[in-house]
Amino acid sequence: MTARLEIDGRAVPLRVRRSALAARMSLRIDGLADGIVLVLPPGAPLADGLRFAAGQHDWIRHRLAALPQRVAFVDGAVLPVLGTPHRVRHRPECRRGVWADGGEVHVSGHAEHLPRRLGDWLKTRAREEIVARAYPLAQAIDRRIAGIVVRDQRSRWGSCTAAGRLAFSWRLVLAPEAVLAYVVAHEVAHLVELNHSSAFWRLVHRLMPGMAAPRHWLKLNGQSLHRYG
């Protein structure tokens, strides 16, 4: 269920989730909705959970204030394409679609179409970068990829089905190149080990030596990638 929590005159969205693995009530920030998630263990009364959340105003206020600023897809915005800052330039006089050059991303056409065109271009770039890495890695471990989908996944950066279908968040194209490469290696390794066992992590390390740094970056900064667009 969803609710609202009043903090300093602001209605903060609150989403309630029950978890069979939770031993106690907890809160986490929902950077997608500028709100919070209340996690309840099985059997915990909802009313108790809402009272618990209401008693955490200071923590919620500070954590929401620490969220990165949202960056809209508009002329002049700065986007980190593969981790490198690029300024968005609207080029209404051109007919080239969208292209990157000299640290800028140029978007032609009418201004009202800029967000959609820029978003489509980023998704295409993400797919190109992911596909270029995934298939050679799968070949190196003698596995077949059944298909690759790139979409706006909210809860996971990538996934792999038992049938060998891989899915990735297009927002990885906004992360440093090594981070995107790490997530691709992670999901390709699931073609062999559909788990997170020690054998799985050994395989990820084999596919991408030095994976610790990009993995750590994603844990620290991944939420910021959802602040674009």
Protein backbone atom coordinates (compact mmCIF):
# COMPACT_ATOMS: atom_id res chain seq x y z
CA MET A 1 0.00 0.00 0.00
CA THR A 2 1.00 3.65 -0.30
CA ALA A 3 0.43 6.53 2.08
CA ARG A 4 1.71 10.02 2.81
CA LEU A 5 3.83 11.22 5.71
CA GLU A 6 3.68 14.90 6.59
CA ILE A 7 7.17 16.36 7.17
CA ASP A 8 7.66 20.11 7.52
CA GLY A 9 4.43 20.75 5.64
CA ARG A 10 5.47 18.45 2.80
CA ALA A 11 3.59 15.28 1.91
CA VAL A 12 6.27 12.61 1.51
CA PRO A 13 5.18 9.44 -0.34
CA LEU A 14 5.43 6.34 1.83
CA ARG A 15 5.28 2.83 0.36
CA VAL A 16 4.69 -0.16 2.63
CA ARG A 17 6.30 -3.50 1.80
CA ARG A 18 6.08 -6.72 3.78
CA SER A 19 9.09 -9.04 3.75
CA ALA A 20 9.27 -12.61 4.98
CA LEU A 21 12.99 -12.06 5.58
CA ALA A 22 12.60 -8.95 7.72
CA ALA A 23 13.18 -9.45 11.45
CA ARG A 24 12.17 -5.91 12.38
CA MET A 25 10.68 -2.74 10.95
CA SER A 26 12.97 -0.60 8.83
CA LEU A 27 12.93 2.43 6.56
CA ARG A 28 14.81 3.18 3.38
CA ILE A 29 14.78 6.11 1.00
CA ASP A 30 12.97 5.74 -2.32
CA GLY A 31 14.99 7.98 -4.61
CA LEU A 32 12.68 7.32 -7.54
CA ALA A 33 9.66 8.85 -5.83
CA ASP A 34 11.46 11.23 -3.44
CA GLY A 35 9.80 9.22 -0.70
CA ILE A 36 10.39 6.38 1.73
CA VAL A 37 9.75 2.65 1.92
CA LEU A 38 8.56 1.08 5.16
CA VAL A 39 9.52 -2.60 5.40
CA LEU A 40 7.44 -4.67 7.81
CA PRO A 41 8.11 -8.22 9.01
CA PRO A 42 5.28 -10.78 8.73
CA GLY A 43 2.50 -10.15 11.21
CA ALA A 44 3.61 -6.65 12.21
CA PRO A 45 0.55 -4.37 12.51
CA LEU A 46 0.44 -1.64 9.89
CA ALA A 47 -0.51 0.94 12.51
CA ASP A 48 2.68 0.16 14.45
CA GLY A 49 4.71 0.57 11.30
CA LEU A 50 3.18 3.94 10.50
CA ARG A 51 3.87 5.14 14.04
CA PHE A 52 7.47 3.94 13.67
CA ALA A 53 7.87 5.91 10.43
CA ALA A 54 6.29 9.02 11.95
CA GLY A 55 8.91 8.94 14.70
CA GLN A 56 11.79 9.10 12.19
CA HIS A 57 11.15 12.60 10.84
CA ASP A 58 14.71 13.89 11.38
CA TRP A 59 16.30 10.87 9.68
CA ILE A 60 13.89 11.08 6.74
CA ARG A 61 14.37 14.84 6.37
CA HIS A 62 18.15 14.59 6.28
CA ARG A 63 18.23 11.62 3.91
CA LEU A 64 15.81 13.22 1.44
CA ALA A 65 17.85 16.44 1.52
CA ALA A 66 20.96 14.42 0.66
CA LEU A 67 19.46 13.03 -2.55
CA PRO A 68 21.18 14.26 -5.72
CA GLN A 69 19.38 16.97 -7.66
CA ARG A 70 17.15 15.78 -10.48
CA VAL A 71 18.48 16.55 -13.95
CA ALA A 72 15.82 17.01 -16.60
CA PHE A 73 16.48 16.27 -20.27
CA VAL A 74 16.61 19.90 -21.40
CA ASP A 75 18.92 22.19 -23.32
CA GLY A 76 21.99 22.95 -21.22
CA ALA A 77 21.72 19.92 -18.94
CA VAL A 78 24.91 17.99 -18.20
CA LEU A 79 24.73 14.21 -18.51
CA PRO A 80 27.52 11.71 -17.71
CA VAL A 81 27.58 9.57 -20.85
CA LEU A 82 29.66 6.54 -19.84
CA GLY A 83 30.76 8.65 -16.89
CA THR A 84 32.06 11.55 -19.00
CA PRO A 85 30.14 14.85 -18.64
CA HIS A 86 28.35 15.91 -21.82
CA ARG A 87 26.33 19.12 -22.13
CA VAL A 88 23.03 18.87 -24.01
CA ARG A 89 22.72 21.31 -26.91
CA HIS A 90 19.42 21.88 -28.70
CA ARG A 91 20.08 22.31 -32.42
CA PRO A 92 16.70 23.14 -34.01
CA GLU A 93 18.34 24.19 -37.27
CA CYS A 94 19.86 20.73 -37.86
CA ARG A 95 18.34 17.54 -39.27
CA ARG A 96 20.83 14.99 -37.92
CA GLY A 97 18.78 13.54 -35.07
CA VAL A 98 21.01 13.16 -32.00
CA TRP A 99 24.79 12.92 -32.01
CA ALA A 100 27.71 13.37 -29.61
CA ASP A 101 30.70 15.53 -30.47
CA GLY A 102 33.33 17.36 -28.45
CA GLY A 103 31.85 16.67 -25.04
CA GLU A 104 28.35 17.69 -26.11
CA VAL A 105 25.20 15.82 -27.11
CA HIS A 106 23.40 17.66 -29.92
CA VAL A 107 19.66 17.18 -30.36
CA SER A 108 17.94 18.46 -33.49
CA GLY A 109 14.25 19.08 -34.07
CA HIS A 110 11.58 20.90 -32.09
CA ALA A 111 12.21 21.64 -28.40
CA GLU A 112 9.19 19.64 -27.25
CA HIS A 113 10.72 16.50 -28.77
CA LEU A 114 14.13 16.92 -27.10
CA PRO A 115 13.47 14.79 -23.97
CA ARG A 116 12.13 11.85 -25.97
CA ARG A 117 14.84 12.01 -28.63
CA LEU A 118 17.61 12.28 -26.06
CA GLY A 119 16.16 9.41 -24.03
CA ASP A 120 15.89 7.21 -27.14
CA TRP A 121 19.50 8.02 -28.05
CA LEU A 122 20.74 7.08 -24.59
CA LYS A 123 18.83 3.79 -24.70
CA THR A 124 20.35 3.00 -28.10
CA ARG A 125 23.85 3.82 -26.84
CA ALA A 126 23.26 1.62 -23.80
CA ARG A 127 22.18 -1.31 -25.94
CA GLU A 128 25.18 -0.91 -28.25
CA GLU A 129 27.62 -0.85 -25.34
CA ILE A 130 25.97 -3.81 -23.59
CA VAL A 131 25.66 -6.01 -26.68
CA ALA A 132 29.28 -5.33 -27.67
CA ARG A 133 30.42 -6.74 -24.31
CA ALA A 134 27.87 -9.44 -23.52
CA TYR A 135 28.18 -11.71 -26.55
CA PRO A 136 32.01 -12.00 -26.52
CA LEU A 137 31.92 -12.76 -22.77
CA ALA A 138 29.26 -15.43 -23.28
CA GLN A 139 31.32 -16.98 -26.07
CA ALA A 140 34.38 -17.01 -23.80
CA ILE A 141 32.55 -19.24 -21.30
CA ASP A 142 30.83 -21.32 -24.01
CA ARG A 143 27.32 -20.12 -23.24
CA ARG A 144 24.55 -18.80 -25.49
CA ILE A 145 22.54 -15.64 -24.85
CA ALA A 146 18.90 -16.12 -25.83
CA GLY A 147 18.27 -12.38 -26.09
CA ILE A 148 19.07 -9.00 -24.60
CA VAL A 149 16.52 -6.41 -23.50
CA VAL A 150 17.36 -2.87 -22.41
CA ARG A 151 14.69 -1.05 -20.42
CA ASP A 152 14.17 1.26 -17.44
CA GLN A 153 14.49 -1.33 -14.68
CA ARG A 154 13.82 0.22 -11.29
CA SER A 155 14.90 -2.43 -8.80
CA ARG A 156 17.82 -4.18 -10.55
CA TRP A 157 20.59 -3.09 -12.89
CA GLY A 158 20.45 -6.40 -14.71
CA SER A 159 18.83 -9.81 -14.66
CA CYS A 160 19.22 -13.24 -16.25
CA THR A 161 16.56 -15.90 -16.72
CA ALA A 162 17.06 -19.65 -16.68
CA ALA A 163 16.46 -19.55 -20.44
CA GLY A 164 19.44 -17.24 -20.94
CA ARG A 165 17.59 -13.98 -21.54
CA LEU A 166 19.40 -10.94 -20.20
CA ALA A 167 17.85 -7.61 -19.26
CA PHE A 168 19.65 -4.39 -18.34
CA SER A 169 18.83 -0.87 -17.24
CA TRP A 170 19.55 1.70 -19.94
CA ARG A 171 20.73 4.02 -17.15
CA LEU A 172 23.99 2.09 -17.01
CA VAL A 173 25.11 4.24 -19.94
CA LEU A 174 25.21 7.15 -17.47
CA ALA A 175 27.68 5.32 -15.22
CA PRO A 176 31.44 5.05 -15.75
CA GLU A 177 32.29 2.56 -18.49
CA ALA A 178 33.79 0.09 -16.01
CA VAL A 179 30.52 0.00 -14.08
CA LEU A 180 28.52 -0.91 -17.17
CA ALA A 181 31.13 -3.56 -18.02
CA TYR A 182 30.89 -5.01 -14.51
CA VAL A 183 27.10 -5.37 -14.65
CA VAL A 184 27.36 -7.07 -18.05
CA ALA A 185 29.95 -9.51 -16.68
CA HIS A 186 27.74 -10.13 -13.64
CA GLU A 187 24.72 -11.10 -15.73
CA VAL A 188 26.72 -13.16 -18.23
CA ALA A 189 28.16 -15.13 -15.30
CA HIS A 190 24.59 -16.04 -14.36
CA LEU A 191 24.40 -18.03 -17.60
CA VAL A 192 26.60 -20.55 -15.76
CA GLU A 193 25.72 -19.93 -12.12
CA LEU A 194 22.12 -18.77 -11.58
CA ASN A 195 22.93 -17.83 -7.99
CA HIS A 196 25.39 -15.75 -5.98
CA SER A 197 27.61 -18.57 -4.75
CA SER A 198 31.36 -18.35 -4.36
CA ALA A 199 31.67 -20.11 -7.73
CA PHE A 200 29.57 -17.34 -9.29
CA TRP A 201 31.77 -14.57 -7.89
CA ARG A 202 34.91 -16.37 -9.03
CA LEU A 203 33.48 -16.43 -12.53
CA VAL A 204 32.58 -12.73 -12.43
CA HIS A 205 36.14 -11.94 -11.36
CA ARG A 206 37.47 -14.10 -14.18
CA LEU A 207 35.30 -12.24 -16.70
CA MET A 208 36.23 -8.87 -15.24
CA PRO A 209 39.34 -8.65 -13.09
CA GLY A 210 39.17 -5.56 -10.89
CA MET A 211 35.40 -5.81 -10.47
CA ALA A 212 35.50 -4.62 -6.83
CA ALA A 213 35.88 -0.90 -7.65
CA PRO A 214 32.95 -0.60 -10.12
CA ARG A 215 30.78 -2.77 -7.88
CA HIS A 216 31.50 -0.42 -4.97
CA TRP A 217 30.81 2.64 -7.15
CA LEU A 218 27.39 1.26 -8.08
CA LYS A 219 26.47 0.64 -4.45
CA LEU A 220 27.43 4.19 -3.51
CA ASN A 221 26.19 6.09 -6.56
CA GLY A 222 23.67 3.90 -8.34
CA GLN A 223 20.70 5.79 -6.94
CA SER A 224 21.92 8.99 -8.62
CA LEU A 225 21.45 7.42 -12.07
CA HIS A 226 17.69 7.42 -11.49
CA ARG A 227 17.71 11.22 -11.03
CA TYR A 228 18.17 11.84 -14.77
CA GLY A 229 15.30 12.37 -17.17
